[in-house]
């Protein structure tokens, strides 16, 4: 899980980048789960992701579309992404 906050006035740019990233993940990583949430119309976003194994996670991290997303996102963040590992219970 990843959480971050964006700067005022950057919503359109960030949402566009998210849509592009999620589409690329779904196309290139059919076994991965990736969903992005905008929290209550705020400046906060949460991404939930699950990979079949560590190799799949590494491929995701090294993918060109992930790098492109990071290049767009980070300058538009008021709070940089914080990654929290989560495990499914049931």
PDB file of N, CA and C in Angstrom:
ATOM      1  N   UNK A   1       0.848  -1.163   0.000  1.00  0.00           N
ATOM      2  CA  UNK A   1       0.000   0.000   0.000  1.00  0.00           C
ATOM      3  C   UNK A   1       0.898   1.231   0.000  1.00  0.00           C
ATOM      4  N   UNK A   2       0.480   2.225  -0.757  1.00  0.00           N
ATOM      5  CA  UNK A   2       1.207   3.485  -0.836  1.00  0.00           C
ATOM      6  C   UNK A   2       0.231   4.628  -0.607  1.00  0.00           C
ATOM      7  N   UNK A   3       0.638   5.582   0.205  1.00  0.00           N
ATOM      8  CA  UNK A   3      -0.165   6.770   0.454  1.00  0.00           C
ATOM      9  C   UNK A   3       0.676   8.004   0.191  1.00  0.00           C
ATOM     10  N   UNK A   4       0.037   9.047  -0.353  1.00  0.00           N
ATOM     11  CA  UNK A   4       0.727  10.318  -0.562  1.00  0.00           C
ATOM     12  C   UNK A   4      -0.297  11.435  -0.663  1.00  0.00           C
ATOM     13  N   UNK A   5       0.194  12.668  -0.601  1.00  0.00           N
ATOM     14  CA  UNK A   5      -0.644  13.853  -0.758  1.00  0.00           C
ATOM     15  C   UNK A   5      -0.071  14.688  -1.901  1.00  0.00           C
ATOM     16  N   UNK A   6      -0.972  15.353  -2.618  1.00  0.00           N
ATOM     17  CA  UNK A   6      -0.527  16.153  -3.757  1.00  0.00           C
ATOM     18  C   UNK A   6      -0.665  17.643  -3.454  1.00  0.00           C
ATOM     19  N   UNK A   7       0.093  18.429  -4.215  1.00  0.00           N
ATOM     20  CA  UNK A   7       0.052  19.877  -4.072  1.00  0.00           C
ATOM     21  C   UNK A   7      -1.241  20.422  -4.670  1.00  0.00           C
ATOM     22  N   UNK A   8      -1.676  21.551  -4.133  1.00  0.00           N
ATOM     23  CA  UNK A   8      -2.861  22.229  -4.656  1.00  0.00           C
ATOM     24  C   UNK A   8      -2.646  22.564  -6.130  1.00  0.00           C
ATOM     25  N   UNK A   9      -3.671  22.347  -6.926  1.00  0.00           N
ATOM     26  CA  UNK A   9      -3.613  22.685  -8.340  1.00  0.00           C
ATOM     27  C   UNK A   9      -3.029  21.605  -9.237  1.00  0.00           C
ATOM     28  N   UNK A  10      -2.721  20.439  -8.672  1.00  0.00           N
ATOM     29  CA  UNK A  10      -2.091  19.379  -9.470  1.00  0.00           C
ATOM     30  C   UNK A  10      -3.001  18.172  -9.697  1.00  0.00           C
ATOM     31  N   UNK A  11      -4.243  18.259  -9.271  1.00  0.00           N
ATOM     32  CA  UNK A  11      -5.148  17.110  -9.328  1.00  0.00           C
ATOM     33  C   UNK A  11      -5.260  16.521 -10.734  1.00  0.00           C
ATOM     34  N   UNK A  12      -5.493  17.343 -11.727  1.00  0.00           N
ATOM     35  CA  UNK A  12      -5.665  16.841 -13.094  1.00  0.00           C
ATOM     36  C   UNK A  12      -4.434  16.109 -13.605  1.00  0.00           C
ATOM     37  N   UNK A  13      -3.267  16.667 -13.370  1.00  0.00           N
ATOM     38  CA  UNK A  13      -2.013  16.043 -13.813  1.00  0.00           C
ATOM     39  C   UNK A  13      -1.819  14.699 -13.123  1.00  0.00           C
ATOM     40  N   UNK A  14      -2.046  14.668 -11.819  1.00  0.00           N
ATOM     41  CA  UNK A  14      -1.849  13.439 -11.048  1.00  0.00           C
ATOM     42  C   UNK A  14      -2.865  12.372 -11.446  1.00  0.00           C
ATOM     43  N   UNK A  15      -4.123  12.748 -11.552  1.00  0.00           N
ATOM     44  CA  UNK A  15      -5.137  11.757 -11.931  1.00  0.00           C
ATOM     45  C   UNK A  15      -4.863  11.186 -13.321  1.00  0.00           C
ATOM     46  N   UNK A  16      -4.422  12.007 -14.230  1.00  0.00           N
ATOM     47  CA  UNK A  16      -4.092  11.532 -15.575  1.00  0.00           C
ATOM     48  C   UNK A  16      -2.933  10.538 -15.520  1.00  0.00           C
ATOM     49  N   UNK A  17      -1.913  10.853 -14.738  1.00  0.00           N
ATOM     50  CA  UNK A  17      -0.761   9.960 -14.596  1.00  0.00           C
ATOM     51  C   UNK A  17      -1.171   8.642 -13.945  1.00  0.00           C
ATOM     52  N   UNK A  18      -2.059   8.698 -12.965  1.00  0.00           N
ATOM     53  CA  UNK A  18      -2.542   7.483 -12.303  1.00  0.00           C
ATOM     54  C   UNK A  18      -3.277   6.596 -13.303  1.00  0.00           C
ATOM     55  N   UNK A  19      -4.178   7.195 -14.072  1.00  0.00           N
ATOM     56  CA  UNK A  19      -4.939   6.414 -15.057  1.00  0.00           C
ATOM     57  C   UNK A  19      -4.022   5.734 -16.057  1.00  0.00           C
ATOM     58  N   UNK A  20      -2.991   6.446 -16.503  1.00  0.00           N
ATOM     59  CA  UNK A  20      -2.027   5.879 -17.444  1.00  0.00           C
ATOM     60  C   UNK A  20      -1.253   4.726 -16.792  1.00  0.00           C
ATOM     61  N   UNK A  21      -0.828   4.925 -15.557  1.00  0.00           N
ATOM     62  CA  UNK A  21      -0.095   3.873 -14.845  1.00  0.00           C
ATOM     63  C   UNK A  21      -0.948   2.626 -14.663  1.00  0.00           C
ATOM     64  N   UNK A  22      -2.159   2.797 -14.158  1.00  0.00           N
ATOM     65  CA  UNK A  22      -3.019   1.648 -13.884  1.00  0.00           C
ATOM     66  C   UNK A  22      -3.320   0.884 -15.168  1.00  0.00           C
ATOM     67  N   UNK A  23      -3.568   1.587 -16.262  1.00  0.00           N
ATOM     68  CA  UNK A  23      -3.814   0.920 -17.545  1.00  0.00           C
ATOM     69  C   UNK A  23      -2.589   0.125 -17.977  1.00  0.00           C
ATOM     70  N   UNK A  24      -1.407   0.699 -17.818  1.00  0.00           N
ATOM     71  CA  UNK A  24      -0.173   0.007 -18.197  1.00  0.00           C
ATOM     72  C   UNK A  24       0.057  -1.229 -17.330  1.00  0.00           C
ATOM     73  N   UNK A  25      -0.189  -1.105 -16.044  1.00  0.00           N
ATOM     74  CA  UNK A  25      -0.020  -2.250 -15.138  1.00  0.00           C
ATOM     75  C   UNK A  25      -0.977  -3.369 -15.531  1.00  0.00           C
ATOM     76  N   UNK A  26      -2.232  -3.033 -15.757  1.00  0.00           N
ATOM     77  CA  UNK A  26      -3.219  -4.059 -16.109  1.00  0.00           C
ATOM     78  C   UNK A  26      -2.871  -4.750 -17.420  1.00  0.00           C
ATOM     79  N   UNK A  27      -2.276  -4.006 -18.358  1.00  0.00           N
ATOM     80  CA  UNK A  27      -1.895  -4.602 -19.634  1.00  0.00           C
ATOM     81  C   UNK A  27      -0.626  -5.438 -19.518  1.00  0.00           C
ATOM     82  N   UNK A  28       0.388  -4.911 -18.845  1.00  0.00           N
ATOM     83  CA  UNK A  28       1.700  -5.575 -18.801  1.00  0.00           C
ATOM     84  C   UNK A  28       1.835  -6.588 -17.672  1.00  0.00           C
ATOM     85  N   UNK A  29       0.996  -6.482 -16.660  1.00  0.00           N
ATOM     86  CA  UNK A  29       1.111  -7.341 -15.486  1.00  0.00           C
ATOM     87  C   UNK A  29      -0.247  -7.967 -15.168  1.00  0.00           C
ATOM     88  N   UNK A  30      -0.729  -8.855 -15.997  1.00  0.00           N
ATOM     89  CA  UNK A  30      -2.079  -9.395 -15.788  1.00  0.00           C
ATOM     90  C   UNK A  30      -2.250 -10.161 -14.473  1.00  0.00           C
ATOM     91  N   UNK A  31      -1.160 -10.624 -13.884  1.00  0.00           N
ATOM     92  CA  UNK A  31      -1.251 -11.360 -12.625  1.00  0.00           C
ATOM     93  C   UNK A  31      -1.130 -10.454 -11.399  1.00  0.00           C
ATOM     94  N   UNK A  32      -0.852  -9.183 -11.622  1.00  0.00           N
ATOM     95  CA  UNK A  32      -0.734  -8.235 -10.510  1.00  0.00           C
ATOM     96  C   UNK A  32      -2.081  -7.564 -10.271  1.00  0.00           C
ATOM     97  N   UNK A  33      -2.296  -7.157  -9.029  1.00  0.00           N
ATOM     98  CA  UNK A  33      -3.475  -6.372  -8.689  1.00  0.00           C
ATOM     99  C   UNK A  33      -2.997  -4.961  -8.384  1.00  0.00           C
ATOM    100  N   UNK A  34      -3.678  -3.986  -8.947  1.00  0.00           N
ATOM    101  CA  UNK A  34      -3.283  -2.597  -8.723  1.00  0.00           C
ATOM    102  C   UNK A  34      -4.526  -1.734  -8.799  1.00  0.00           C
ATOM    103  N   UNK A  35      -4.818  -1.034  -7.712  1.00  0.00           N
ATOM    104  CA  UNK A  35      -5.980  -0.158  -7.645  1.00  0.00           C
ATOM    105  C   UNK A  35      -5.561   1.142  -6.967  1.00  0.00           C
ATOM    106  N   UNK A  36      -6.061   2.249  -7.487  1.00  0.00           N
ATOM    107  CA  UNK A  36      -5.759   3.555  -6.921  1.00  0.00           C
ATOM    108  C   UNK A  36      -7.050   4.183  -6.397  1.00  0.00           C
ATOM    109  N   UNK A  37      -6.950   4.843  -5.244  1.00  0.00           N
ATOM    110  CA  UNK A  37      -8.104   5.496  -4.625  1.00  0.00           C
ATOM    111  C   UNK A  37      -7.790   6.960  -4.336  1.00  0.00           C
ATOM    112  N   UNK A  38      -8.757   7.809  -4.600  1.00  0.00           N
ATOM    113  CA  UNK A  38      -8.699   9.210  -4.215  1.00  0.00           C
ATOM    114  C   UNK A  38      -9.531   9.314  -2.950  1.00  0.00           C
ATOM    115  N   UNK A  39      -8.954   9.759  -1.874  1.00  0.00           N
ATOM    116  CA  UNK A  39      -9.604   9.720  -0.571  1.00  0.00           C
ATOM    117  C   UNK A  39     -10.505  10.935  -0.374  1.00  0.00           C
ATOM    118  N   UNK A  40     -11.795  10.701  -0.500  1.00  0.00           N
ATOM    119  CA  UNK A  40     -12.824  11.681  -0.156  1.00  0.00           C
ATOM    120  C   UNK A  40     -12.687  13.055  -0.765  1.00  0.00           C
ATOM    121  N   UNK A  41     -12.211  13.149  -2.007  1.00  0.00           N
ATOM    122  CA  UNK A  41     -12.098  14.453  -2.645  1.00  0.00           C
ATOM    123  C   UNK A  41     -11.011  15.326  -2.039  1.00  0.00           C
ATOM    124  N   UNK A  42     -10.106  14.740  -1.300  1.00  0.00           N
ATOM    125  CA  UNK A  42      -9.034  15.480  -0.630  1.00  0.00           C
ATOM    126  C   UNK A  42      -7.805  15.590  -1.527  1.00  0.00           C
ATOM    127  N   UNK A  43      -6.673  15.847  -0.914  1.00  0.00           N
ATOM    128  CA  UNK A  43      -5.396  15.872  -1.623  1.00  0.00           C
ATOM    129  C   UNK A  43      -4.639  14.552  -1.418  1.00  0.00           C
ATOM    130  N   UNK A  44      -5.322  13.549  -0.906  1.00  0.00           N
ATOM    131  CA  UNK A  44      -4.696  12.278  -0.519  1.00  0.00           C
ATOM    132  C   UNK A  44      -5.099  11.149  -1.462  1.00  0.00           C
ATOM    133  N   UNK A  45      -4.117  10.315  -1.797  1.00  0.00           N
ATOM    134  CA  UNK A  45      -4.333   9.143  -2.636  1.00  0.00           C
ATOM    135  C   UNK A  45      -3.750   7.909  -1.953  1.00  0.00           C
ATOM    136  N   UNK A  46      -4.376   6.775  -2.217  1.00  0.00           N
ATOM    137  CA  UNK A  46      -3.907   5.485  -1.701  1.00  0.00           C
ATOM    138  C   UNK A  46      -3.891   4.509  -2.870  1.00  0.00           C
ATOM    139  N   UNK A  47      -2.802   3.787  -3.008  1.00  0.00           N
ATOM    140  CA  UNK A  47      -2.692   2.744  -4.028  1.00  0.00           C
ATOM    141  C   UNK A  47      -2.533   1.408  -3.303  1.00  0.00           C
ATOM    142  N   UNK A  48      -3.323   0.431  -3.713  1.00  0.00           N
ATOM    143  CA  UNK A  48      -3.234  -0.918  -3.161  1.00  0.00           C
ATOM    144  C   UNK A  48      -2.716  -1.811  -4.282  1.00  0.00           C
ATOM    145  N   UNK A  49      -1.673  -2.560  -3.993  1.00  0.00           N
ATOM    146  CA  UNK A  49      -1.087  -3.420  -5.007  1.00  0.00           C
ATOM    147  C   UNK A  49      -0.721  -4.772  -4.426  1.00  0.00           C
ATOM    148  N   UNK A  50      -0.801  -5.793  -5.270  1.00  0.00           N
ATOM    149  CA  UNK A  50      -0.421  -7.150  -4.863  1.00  0.00           C
ATOM    150  C   UNK A  50       0.254  -7.816  -6.045  1.00  0.00           C
ATOM    151  N   UNK A  51       1.372  -8.452  -5.768  1.00  0.00           N
ATOM    152  CA  UNK A  51       2.161  -9.121  -6.795  1.00  0.00           C
ATOM    153  C   UNK A  51       2.252 -10.604  -6.474  1.00  0.00           C
ATOM    154  N   UNK A  52       2.339 -11.430  -7.505  1.00  0.00           N
ATOM    155  CA  UNK A  52       2.352 -12.883  -7.284  1.00  0.00           C
ATOM    156  C   UNK A  52       3.619 -13.347  -6.585  1.00  0.00           C
ATOM    157  N   UNK A  53       4.715 -12.617  -6.767  1.00  0.00           N
ATOM    158  CA  UNK A  53       5.969 -12.967  -6.089  1.00  0.00           C
ATOM    159  C   UNK A  53       6.905 -11.760  -6.127  1.00  0.00           C
ATOM    160  N   UNK A  54       8.063 -11.912  -5.509  1.00  0.00           N
ATOM    161  CA  UNK A  54       9.030 -10.814  -5.449  1.00  0.00           C
ATOM    162  C   UNK A  54       9.550 -10.436  -6.830  1.00  0.00           C
ATOM    163  N   UNK A  55       9.677 -11.402  -7.702  1.00  0.00           N
ATOM    164  CA  UNK A  55      10.150 -11.142  -9.063  1.00  0.00           C
ATOM    165  C   UNK A  55       9.156 -10.229  -9.802  1.00  0.00           C
ATOM    166  N   UNK A  56       7.870 -10.497  -9.644  1.00  0.00           N
ATOM    167  CA  UNK A  56       6.839  -9.664 -10.271  1.00  0.00           C
ATOM    168  C   UNK A  56       6.878  -8.244  -9.700  1.00  0.00           C
ATOM    169  N   UNK A  57       7.102  -8.131  -8.409  1.00  0.00           N
ATOM    170  CA  UNK A  57       7.203  -6.815  -7.790  1.00  0.00           C
ATOM    171  C   UNK A  57       8.419  -6.061  -8.331  1.00  0.00           C
ATOM    172  N   UNK A  58       9.526  -6.744  -8.487  1.00  0.00           N
ATOM    173  CA  UNK A  58      10.749  -6.127  -9.021  1.00  0.00           C
ATOM    174  C   UNK A  58      10.523  -5.666 -10.459  1.00  0.00           C
ATOM    175  N   UNK A  59       9.847  -6.492 -11.277  1.00  0.00           N
ATOM    176  CA  UNK A  59       9.555  -6.099 -12.660  1.00  0.00           C
ATOM    177  C   UNK A  59       8.691  -4.836 -12.680  1.00  0.00           C
ATOM    178  N   UNK A  60       7.732  -4.769 -11.778  1.00  0.00           N
ATOM    179  CA  UNK A  60       6.877  -3.589 -11.681  1.00  0.00           C
ATOM    180  C   UNK A  60       7.714  -2.358 -11.319  1.00  0.00           C
ATOM    181  N   UNK A  61       8.548  -2.490 -10.325  1.00  0.00           N
ATOM    182  CA  UNK A  61       9.364  -1.362  -9.875  1.00  0.00           C
ATOM    183  C   UNK A  61      10.314  -0.873 -10.964  1.00  0.00           C
ATOM    184  N   UNK A  62      10.802  -1.793 -11.789  1.00  0.00           N
ATOM    185  CA  UNK A  62      11.778  -1.458 -12.826  1.00  0.00           C
ATOM    186  C   UNK A  62      11.143  -1.074 -14.164  1.00  0.00           C
ATOM    187  N   UNK A  63       9.821  -1.173 -14.259  1.00  0.00           N
ATOM    188  CA  UNK A  63       9.134  -0.922 -15.525  1.00  0.00           C
ATOM    189  C   UNK A  63       9.218   0.553 -15.921  1.00  0.00           C
ATOM    190  N   UNK A  64       9.282   0.786 -17.221  1.00  0.00           N
ATOM    191  CA  UNK A  64       9.346   2.145 -17.745  1.00  0.00           C
ATOM    192  C   UNK A  64       8.119   2.962 -17.343  1.00  0.00           C
ATOM    193  N   UNK A  65       6.938   2.340 -17.357  1.00  0.00           N
ATOM    194  CA  UNK A  65       5.722   3.069 -16.991  1.00  0.00           C
ATOM    195  C   UNK A  65       5.719   3.458 -15.517  1.00  0.00           C
ATOM    196  N   UNK A  66       6.357   2.662 -14.664  1.00  0.00           N
ATOM    197  CA  UNK A  66       6.457   3.031 -13.252  1.00  0.00           C
ATOM    198  C   UNK A  66       7.393   4.229 -13.100  1.00  0.00           C
ATOM    199  N   UNK A  67       8.515   4.193 -13.795  1.00  0.00           N
ATOM    200  CA  UNK A  67       9.458   5.324 -13.750  1.00  0.00           C
ATOM    201  C   UNK A  67       8.807   6.603 -14.245  1.00  0.00           C
ATOM    202  N   UNK A  68       8.043   6.497 -15.330  1.00  0.00           N
ATOM    203  CA  UNK A  68       7.350   7.675 -15.876  1.00  0.00           C
ATOM    204  C   UNK A  68       6.374   8.237 -14.852  1.00  0.00           C
ATOM    205  N   UNK A  69       5.632   7.362 -14.176  1.00  0.00           N
ATOM    206  CA  UNK A  69       4.683   7.801 -13.162  1.00  0.00           C
ATOM    207  C   UNK A  69       5.403   8.524 -12.027  1.00  0.00           C
ATOM    208  N   UNK A  70       6.480   7.962 -11.550  1.00  0.00           N
ATOM    209  CA  UNK A  70       7.247   8.564 -10.456  1.00  0.00           C
ATOM    210  C   UNK A  70       7.762   9.949 -10.861  1.00  0.00           C
ATOM    211  N   UNK A  71       8.239  10.074 -12.106  1.00  0.00           N
ATOM    212  CA  UNK A  71       8.757  11.360 -12.592  1.00  0.00           C
ATOM    213  C   UNK A  71       7.673  12.434 -12.601  1.00  0.00           C
ATOM    214  N   UNK A  72       6.445  12.039 -12.875  1.00  0.00           N
ATOM    215  CA  UNK A  72       5.327  12.991 -12.874  1.00  0.00           C
ATOM    216  C   UNK A  72       4.835  13.238 -11.452  1.00  0.00           C
ATOM    217  N   UNK A  73       4.694  12.172 -10.672  1.00  0.00           N
ATOM    218  CA  UNK A  73       4.092  12.279  -9.349  1.00  0.00           C
ATOM    219  C   UNK A  73       4.937  13.058  -8.350  1.00  0.00           C
ATOM    220  N   UNK A  74       6.189  12.677  -8.186  1.00  0.00           N
ATOM    221  CA  UNK A  74       6.989  13.219  -7.085  1.00  0.00           C
ATOM    222  C   UNK A  74       7.052  14.748  -7.052  1.00  0.00           C
ATOM    223  N   UNK A  75       7.256  15.434  -8.185  1.00  0.00           N
ATOM    224  CA  UNK A  75       7.277  16.898  -8.119  1.00  0.00           C
ATOM    225  C   UNK A  75       5.920  17.513  -7.752  1.00  0.00           C
ATOM    226  N   UNK A  76       4.859  16.725  -7.879  1.00  0.00           N
ATOM    227  CA  UNK A  76       3.507  17.213  -7.583  1.00  0.00           C
ATOM    228  C   UNK A  76       3.013  16.812  -6.202  1.00  0.00           C
ATOM    229  N   UNK A  77       3.876  16.237  -5.393  1.00  0.00           N
ATOM    230  CA  UNK A  77       3.495  15.790  -4.056  1.00  0.00           C
ATOM    231  C   UNK A  77       3.814  16.836  -2.995  1.00  0.00           C
ATOM    232  N   UNK A  78       2.886  17.008  -2.070  1.00  0.00           N
ATOM    233  CA  UNK A  78       3.173  17.791  -0.867  1.00  0.00           C
ATOM    234  C   UNK A  78       3.682  16.863   0.230  1.00  0.00           C
ATOM    235  N   UNK A  79       3.353  15.579   0.110  1.00  0.00           N
ATOM    236  CA  UNK A  79       3.873  14.534   1.001  1.00  0.00           C
ATOM    237  C   UNK A  79       4.231  13.357   0.109  1.00  0.00           C
ATOM    238  N   UNK A  80       5.504  13.007   0.059  1.00  0.00           N
ATOM    239  CA  UNK A  80       5.959  11.925  -0.815  1.00  0.00           C
ATOM    240  C   UNK A  80       5.338  10.594  -0.413  1.00  0.00           C
ATOM    241  N   UNK A  81       5.252   9.664  -1.352  1.00  0.00           N
ATOM    242  CA  UNK A  81       4.653   8.359  -1.059  1.00  0.00           C
ATOM    243  C   UNK A  81       5.336   7.643   0.105  1.00  0.00           C
ATOM    244  N   UNK A  82       4.494   7.074   0.944  1.00  0.00           N
ATOM    245  CA  UNK A  82       4.953   6.220   2.043  1.00  0.00           C
ATOM    246  C   UNK A  82       4.442   4.821   1.741  1.00  0.00           C
ATOM    247  N   UNK A  83       5.343   3.866   1.737  1.00  0.00           N
ATOM    248  CA  UNK A  83       4.995   2.484   1.421  1.00  0.00           C
ATOM    249  C   UNK A  83       4.833   1.695   2.710  1.00  0.00           C
ATOM    250  N   UNK A  84       3.701   1.011   2.822  1.00  0.00           N
ATOM    251  CA  UNK A  84       3.398   0.190   3.989  1.00  0.00           C
ATOM    252  C   UNK A  84       3.058  -1.220   3.509  1.00  0.00           C
ATOM    253  N   UNK A  85       3.837  -2.203   3.922  1.00  0.00           N
ATOM    254  CA  UNK A  85       3.494  -3.572   3.523  1.00  0.00           C
ATOM    255  C   UNK A  85       2.200  -4.021   4.207  1.00  0.00           C
ATOM    256  N   UNK A  86       1.331  -4.662   3.443  1.00  0.00           N
ATOM    257  CA  UNK A  86       0.094  -5.206   4.004  1.00  0.00           C
ATOM    258  C   UNK A  86      -0.051  -6.641   3.537  1.00  0.00           C
ATOM    259  N   UNK A  87      -0.691  -7.451   4.342  1.00  0.00           N
ATOM    260  CA  UNK A  87      -0.911  -8.856   4.016  1.00  0.00           C
ATOM    261  C   UNK A  87      -2.385  -9.166   4.121  1.00  0.00           C
ATOM    262  N   UNK A  88      -2.880  -9.945   3.191  1.00  0.00           N
ATOM    263  CA  UNK A  88      -4.271 -10.344   3.196  1.00  0.00           C
ATOM    264  C   UNK A  88      -4.494 -11.349   4.330  1.00  0.00           C
ATOM    265  N   UNK A  89      -5.564 -11.200   5.044  1.00  0.00           N
ATOM    266  CA  UNK A  89      -5.877 -12.098   6.155  1.00  0.00           C
ATOM    267  C   UNK A  89      -6.660 -13.289   5.658  1.00  0.00           C
ATOM    268  N   UNK A  90      -7.639 -13.052   4.820  1.00  0.00           N
ATOM    269  CA  UNK A  90      -8.507 -14.125   4.371  1.00  0.00           C
ATOM    270  C   UNK A  90      -9.006 -13.863   2.983  1.00  0.00           C
TER     271      UNK A  90
END
